[in-house]
């Protein structure tokens, strides 16, 4: 198996609303809550209206998810909560 990269445009505001709701349901003190809070903080402060979500599947079932600028040329945020190695 070779690495696979896929990318698509996403609305920053839509992601922000989704993860603000998820943050309320995430257990206090958990690493998932901290990672979700970091994502919400990033989305709240980002000037980009449209982001590019990039998923990378690596050999051996690894997975990484990133948010990049609209053009997809600069990684702006690593969505750590989705990482699998």
N, C-alpha and C. Protein backbone atom coordinates (compact mmCIF):
# COMPACT_ATOMS: atom_id res chain seq x y z
N UNK A 1 0.84 -1.19 0.00
CA UNK A 1 0.00 0.00 0.00
C UNK A 1 0.88 1.24 0.00
N UNK A 2 0.49 2.24 -0.75
CA UNK A 2 1.22 3.51 -0.77
C UNK A 2 0.44 4.56 0.00
N UNK A 3 1.12 5.63 0.35
CA UNK A 3 0.45 6.74 1.04
C UNK A 3 -0.61 7.35 0.12
N UNK A 4 -1.72 7.78 0.72
CA UNK A 4 -2.81 8.40 -0.03
C UNK A 4 -3.11 9.76 0.58
N UNK A 5 -3.18 10.77 -0.26
CA UNK A 5 -3.50 12.13 0.20
C UNK A 5 -4.77 12.57 -0.51
N UNK A 6 -5.73 13.08 0.27
CA UNK A 6 -6.96 13.63 -0.28
C UNK A 6 -7.17 15.01 0.33
N UNK A 7 -7.79 15.90 -0.42
CA UNK A 7 -8.02 17.26 0.06
C UNK A 7 -9.35 17.78 -0.44
N UNK A 8 -9.97 18.64 0.37
CA UNK A 8 -11.23 19.26 -0.01
C UNK A 8 -11.43 20.54 0.76
N UNK A 9 -12.23 21.41 0.22
CA UNK A 9 -12.53 22.71 0.85
C UNK A 9 -13.57 22.54 1.95
N UNK A 10 -13.38 23.28 3.04
CA UNK A 10 -14.34 23.28 4.15
C UNK A 10 -14.55 24.71 4.63
N UNK A 11 -15.73 24.96 5.13
CA UNK A 11 -16.06 26.27 5.70
C UNK A 11 -15.52 26.35 7.13
N UNK A 12 -14.74 27.39 7.40
CA UNK A 12 -14.21 27.58 8.75
C UNK A 12 -15.34 27.74 9.76
N UNK A 13 -16.36 28.51 9.42
CA UNK A 13 -17.47 28.76 10.34
C UNK A 13 -18.24 27.47 10.64
N UNK A 14 -18.44 26.65 9.64
CA UNK A 14 -19.13 25.38 9.83
C UNK A 14 -18.34 24.46 10.76
N UNK A 15 -17.04 24.37 10.54
CA UNK A 15 -16.19 23.57 11.42
C UNK A 15 -16.21 24.12 12.85
N UNK A 16 -16.15 25.43 12.96
CA UNK A 16 -16.16 26.07 14.28
C UNK A 16 -17.43 25.70 15.03
N UNK A 17 -18.58 25.80 14.39
CA UNK A 17 -19.84 25.45 15.05
C UNK A 17 -19.85 23.99 15.49
N UNK A 18 -19.39 23.11 14.62
CA UNK A 18 -19.36 21.68 14.94
C UNK A 18 -18.49 21.40 16.15
N UNK A 19 -17.29 21.97 16.17
CA UNK A 19 -16.36 21.65 17.26
C UNK A 19 -16.66 22.43 18.54
N UNK A 20 -17.35 23.54 18.45
CA UNK A 20 -17.83 24.20 19.67
C UNK A 20 -18.85 23.29 20.37
N UNK A 21 -19.73 22.66 19.59
CA UNK A 21 -20.71 21.73 20.17
C UNK A 21 -20.02 20.50 20.76
N UNK A 22 -19.06 19.97 20.04
CA UNK A 22 -18.34 18.78 20.53
C UNK A 22 -17.56 19.09 21.80
N UNK A 23 -17.04 20.30 21.88
CA UNK A 23 -16.28 20.69 23.06
C UNK A 23 -17.14 20.60 24.32
N UNK A 24 -18.40 20.95 24.20
CA UNK A 24 -19.31 20.89 25.35
C UNK A 24 -19.55 19.46 25.83
N UNK A 25 -19.38 18.49 24.95
CA UNK A 25 -19.63 17.09 25.29
C UNK A 25 -18.36 16.31 25.63
N UNK A 26 -17.22 16.98 25.58
CA UNK A 26 -15.94 16.32 25.82
C UNK A 26 -15.60 16.38 27.30
N UNK A 27 -15.16 15.27 27.90
CA UNK A 27 -14.87 15.23 29.34
C UNK A 27 -13.79 16.23 29.77
N UNK A 28 -14.08 16.94 30.85
CA UNK A 28 -13.10 17.88 31.44
C UNK A 28 -11.81 17.13 31.75
N UNK A 29 -10.68 17.78 31.48
CA UNK A 29 -9.39 17.22 31.82
C UNK A 29 -8.85 16.19 30.84
N UNK A 30 -9.62 15.84 29.83
CA UNK A 30 -9.15 14.83 28.87
C UNK A 30 -8.27 15.46 27.80
N UNK A 31 -7.40 14.65 27.22
CA UNK A 31 -6.56 15.16 26.14
C UNK A 31 -7.42 15.53 24.93
N UNK A 32 -8.53 14.80 24.72
CA UNK A 32 -9.42 15.12 23.62
C UNK A 32 -10.02 16.51 23.81
N UNK A 33 -10.37 16.87 25.04
CA UNK A 33 -10.92 18.20 25.29
C UNK A 33 -9.87 19.29 25.00
N UNK A 34 -8.64 19.03 25.40
CA UNK A 34 -7.56 19.99 25.16
C UNK A 34 -7.33 20.16 23.65
N UNK A 35 -7.32 19.05 22.92
CA UNK A 35 -7.12 19.11 21.46
C UNK A 35 -8.29 19.80 20.78
N UNK A 36 -9.50 19.54 21.25
CA UNK A 36 -10.68 20.19 20.68
C UNK A 36 -10.66 21.68 20.98
N UNK A 37 -10.27 22.05 22.19
CA UNK A 37 -10.16 23.47 22.57
C UNK A 37 -9.14 24.17 21.67
N UNK A 38 -8.00 23.51 21.41
CA UNK A 38 -6.98 24.09 20.53
C UNK A 38 -7.56 24.33 19.13
N UNK A 39 -8.34 23.37 18.64
CA UNK A 39 -8.95 23.51 17.32
C UNK A 39 -9.95 24.66 17.30
N UNK A 40 -10.80 24.74 18.32
CA UNK A 40 -11.78 25.83 18.41
C UNK A 40 -11.06 27.18 18.48
N UNK A 41 -10.00 27.26 19.25
CA UNK A 41 -9.23 28.51 19.34
C UNK A 41 -8.65 28.88 17.98
N UNK A 42 -8.10 27.89 17.28
CA UNK A 42 -7.55 28.15 15.95
C UNK A 42 -8.64 28.66 15.00
N UNK A 43 -9.76 27.94 14.97
CA UNK A 43 -10.85 28.31 14.06
C UNK A 43 -11.43 29.68 14.40
N UNK A 44 -11.48 30.01 15.67
CA UNK A 44 -12.01 31.32 16.10
C UNK A 44 -11.13 32.47 15.66
N UNK A 45 -9.83 32.23 15.62
CA UNK A 45 -8.90 33.32 15.33
C UNK A 45 -8.42 33.35 13.87
N UNK A 46 -8.73 32.33 13.11
CA UNK A 46 -8.26 32.28 11.72
C UNK A 46 -9.00 33.29 10.85
N UNK A 47 -8.26 34.03 10.02
CA UNK A 47 -8.91 34.97 9.10
C UNK A 47 -9.48 34.29 7.86
N UNK A 48 -9.10 33.03 7.63
CA UNK A 48 -9.54 32.29 6.44
C UNK A 48 -11.02 31.94 6.56
N UNK A 49 -11.80 32.21 5.54
CA UNK A 49 -13.21 31.80 5.53
C UNK A 49 -13.36 30.37 5.02
N UNK A 50 -12.49 30.00 4.09
CA UNK A 50 -12.48 28.65 3.54
C UNK A 50 -11.11 28.05 3.78
N UNK A 51 -11.11 26.84 4.28
CA UNK A 51 -9.87 26.11 4.54
C UNK A 51 -9.84 24.86 3.66
N UNK A 52 -8.67 24.30 3.51
CA UNK A 52 -8.53 23.02 2.82
C UNK A 52 -8.23 21.96 3.87
N UNK A 53 -9.06 20.93 3.94
CA UNK A 53 -8.82 19.82 4.85
C UNK A 53 -8.04 18.77 4.07
N UNK A 54 -6.92 18.35 4.62
CA UNK A 54 -6.04 17.40 3.96
C UNK A 54 -5.92 16.15 4.83
N UNK A 55 -6.27 15.01 4.25
CA UNK A 55 -6.11 13.75 4.97
C UNK A 55 -4.97 12.96 4.33
N UNK A 56 -4.18 12.33 5.18
CA UNK A 56 -3.05 11.53 4.73
C UNK A 56 -3.17 10.15 5.36
N UNK A 57 -3.32 9.14 4.51
CA UNK A 57 -3.30 7.76 4.96
C UNK A 57 -1.93 7.20 4.60
N UNK A 58 -1.25 6.67 5.61
CA UNK A 58 0.08 6.14 5.39
C UNK A 58 0.08 4.62 5.44
N UNK A 59 1.15 4.05 4.92
CA UNK A 59 1.29 2.60 4.97
C UNK A 59 1.12 2.12 6.40
N UNK A 60 0.49 0.97 6.57
CA UNK A 60 0.32 0.42 7.91
C UNK A 60 -0.81 1.05 8.69
N UNK A 61 -1.81 1.58 8.05
CA UNK A 61 -3.03 2.13 8.63
C UNK A 61 -2.85 3.43 9.41
N UNK A 62 -1.80 4.17 9.16
CA UNK A 62 -1.64 5.48 9.78
C UNK A 62 -2.57 6.50 9.13
N UNK A 63 -2.90 7.54 9.88
CA UNK A 63 -3.81 8.57 9.38
C UNK A 63 -3.48 9.89 10.06
N UNK A 64 -3.46 10.97 9.29
CA UNK A 64 -3.26 12.32 9.80
C UNK A 64 -4.24 13.24 9.10
N UNK A 65 -4.68 14.27 9.81
CA UNK A 65 -5.62 15.24 9.24
C UNK A 65 -5.12 16.65 9.54
N UNK A 66 -5.10 17.48 8.50
CA UNK A 66 -4.58 18.84 8.62
C UNK A 66 -5.56 19.84 8.04
N UNK A 67 -5.45 21.09 8.50
CA UNK A 67 -6.15 22.20 7.88
C UNK A 67 -5.11 23.12 7.26
N UNK A 68 -5.35 23.49 6.02
CA UNK A 68 -4.43 24.36 5.29
C UNK A 68 -5.19 25.59 4.82
N UNK A 69 -4.42 26.55 4.28
CA UNK A 69 -5.06 27.72 3.69
C UNK A 69 -5.94 27.29 2.52
N UNK A 70 -6.74 28.20 2.00
CA UNK A 70 -7.69 27.86 0.95
C UNK A 70 -7.01 27.26 -0.28
N UNK A 71 -5.84 27.76 -0.62
CA UNK A 71 -5.11 27.25 -1.78
C UNK A 71 -4.48 25.88 -1.51
N UNK A 72 -4.42 25.48 -0.24
CA UNK A 72 -3.82 24.20 0.11
C UNK A 72 -2.31 24.20 0.06
N UNK A 73 -1.71 25.37 0.13
CA UNK A 73 -0.26 25.47 0.01
C UNK A 73 0.46 25.58 1.35
N UNK A 74 -0.27 25.91 2.42
CA UNK A 74 0.36 26.08 3.73
C UNK A 74 -0.48 25.39 4.81
N UNK A 75 0.13 24.43 5.50
CA UNK A 75 -0.54 23.76 6.61
C UNK A 75 -0.64 24.76 7.77
N UNK A 76 -1.86 24.93 8.28
CA UNK A 76 -2.10 25.88 9.36
C UNK A 76 -2.37 25.20 10.70
N UNK A 77 -2.89 23.97 10.65
CA UNK A 77 -3.28 23.30 11.90
C UNK A 77 -3.27 21.79 11.71
N UNK A 78 -2.71 21.08 12.68
CA UNK A 78 -2.72 19.62 12.71
C UNK A 78 -3.87 19.19 13.61
N UNK A 79 -4.80 18.42 13.08
CA UNK A 79 -5.95 17.96 13.86
C UNK A 79 -5.55 16.67 14.60
N UNK A 80 -4.83 16.88 15.68
CA UNK A 80 -4.21 15.79 16.43
C UNK A 80 -5.20 14.72 16.88
N UNK A 81 -6.43 15.11 17.18
CA UNK A 81 -7.41 14.15 17.69
C UNK A 81 -7.73 13.03 16.71
N UNK A 82 -7.39 13.21 15.45
CA UNK A 82 -7.66 12.19 14.44
C UNK A 82 -6.45 11.33 14.10
N UNK A 83 -5.31 11.63 14.72
CA UNK A 83 -4.07 10.93 14.37
C UNK A 83 -4.11 9.47 14.76
N UNK A 84 -3.67 8.66 13.83
CA UNK A 84 -3.50 7.22 14.07
C UNK A 84 -2.15 6.84 13.51
N UNK A 85 -1.42 6.08 14.27
CA UNK A 85 -0.09 5.63 13.80
C UNK A 85 -0.01 4.14 13.80
